[in-house]
Amino acid sequence: MGFSIRIKKVLPLDDMVLSVEFENGISKLYDVKQLIPGFPIYERLRNRALFNLVHVDCSGCAVAWNEDIDISELELWEGGI
């Protein structure tokens, strides 16, 4: 069975944190900095102009900044607080 909680809305906050609202009404904060040690591509998001481009992608299954950088709904759900 696949993960089925979709992302409804995402907002970029200070210090590389995302506010993510899911379709079930639950909101979580996700610190993107935690990904940098394992995935250096996220280092590029320290550029505030790029970080602010975040949007909900693929019908709520991810958030993305461009074709190279995205985060799945499962990671946001499990890694968010």
Protein backbone atom coordinates (compact mmCIF):
# COMPACT_ATOMS: atom_id res chain seq x y z
CA MET A 1 0.00 0.00 0.00
CA GLY A 2 1.40 3.42 -0.95
CA PHE A 3 1.42 6.57 1.08
CA SER A 4 -1.72 8.59 0.41
CA ILE A 5 -1.62 11.83 2.41
CA ARG A 6 -1.21 14.60 -0.14
CA ILE A 7 0.18 18.08 0.34
CA LYS A 8 -2.35 20.89 0.13
CA LYS A 9 -0.12 23.94 0.72
CA VAL A 10 3.51 24.83 1.39
CA LEU A 11 5.04 28.08 2.63
CA PRO A 12 8.74 28.91 2.94
CA LEU A 13 9.74 30.22 6.37
CA ASP A 14 13.03 31.55 7.74
CA ASP A 15 16.13 29.39 8.22
CA MET A 16 15.22 26.83 5.50
CA VAL A 17 12.03 25.67 7.24
CA LEU A 18 8.85 24.78 5.37
CA SER A 19 5.32 25.01 6.71
CA VAL A 20 3.44 22.14 5.08
CA GLU A 21 -0.32 21.67 5.21
CA PHE A 22 -1.62 18.24 4.26
CA GLU A 23 -5.06 17.47 2.80
CA ASN A 24 -6.09 15.78 6.07
CA GLY A 25 -5.83 19.18 7.81
CA ILE A 26 -2.61 18.48 9.70
CA SER A 27 0.22 21.01 9.39
CA LYS A 28 3.88 20.30 10.05
CA LEU A 29 7.16 22.21 10.03
CA TYR A 30 10.00 20.64 8.09
CA ASP A 31 13.63 21.73 8.43
CA VAL A 32 15.25 21.27 5.01
CA LYS A 33 18.74 21.71 6.51
CA GLN A 34 18.55 18.16 7.89
CA LEU A 35 18.85 16.83 4.32
CA ILE A 36 22.12 18.62 3.47
CA PRO A 37 24.58 16.12 5.04
CA GLY A 38 23.19 13.22 3.00
CA PHE A 39 22.14 15.12 -0.10
CA PRO A 40 24.39 18.12 -0.87
CA ILE A 41 22.04 19.37 -3.63
CA TYR A 42 19.86 20.86 -0.87
CA GLU A 43 22.74 23.22 -0.01
CA ARG A 44 21.58 25.28 -2.99
CA LEU A 45 18.41 26.14 -1.05
CA ARG A 46 20.43 28.35 1.29
CA ASN A 47 19.87 30.89 -1.50
CA ARG A 48 16.73 32.56 -0.15
CA ALA A 49 15.45 33.55 -3.60
CA LEU A 50 15.55 29.90 -4.72
CA PHE A 51 14.11 28.62 -1.41
CA ASN A 52 11.13 30.96 -1.80
CA LEU A 53 10.23 29.30 -5.14
CA VAL A 54 8.93 26.18 -3.37
CA HIS A 55 5.57 24.91 -4.65
CA VAL A 56 3.33 21.86 -4.41
CA ASP A 57 4.15 19.47 -7.24
CA CYS A 58 2.63 16.39 -8.92
CA SER A 59 -0.86 16.71 -7.47
CA GLY A 60 0.37 16.95 -3.90
CA CYS A 61 2.87 14.10 -3.86
CA ALA A 62 5.89 16.43 -3.35
CA VAL A 63 7.13 19.96 -2.98
CA ALA A 64 9.63 21.21 -5.52
CA TRP A 65 11.85 24.14 -6.35
CA ASN A 66 12.91 23.16 -9.86
CA GLU A 67 13.43 20.02 -11.94
CA ASP A 68 16.37 18.92 -9.76
CA ILE A 69 15.23 19.62 -6.21
CA ASP A 70 12.12 18.20 -4.55
CA ILE A 71 10.96 16.46 -1.36
CA SER A 72 8.29 13.74 -1.23
CA GLU A 73 5.13 13.92 0.86
CA LEU A 74 6.30 10.88 2.84
CA GLU A 75 9.57 12.57 3.84
CA LEU A 76 7.73 15.76 4.79
CA TRP A 77 5.17 13.78 6.82
CA GLU A 78 7.67 11.57 8.64
CA GLY A 79 10.39 14.21 9.10
CA GLY A 80 8.10 17.09 9.99
CA ILE A 81 7.08 18.18 13.46
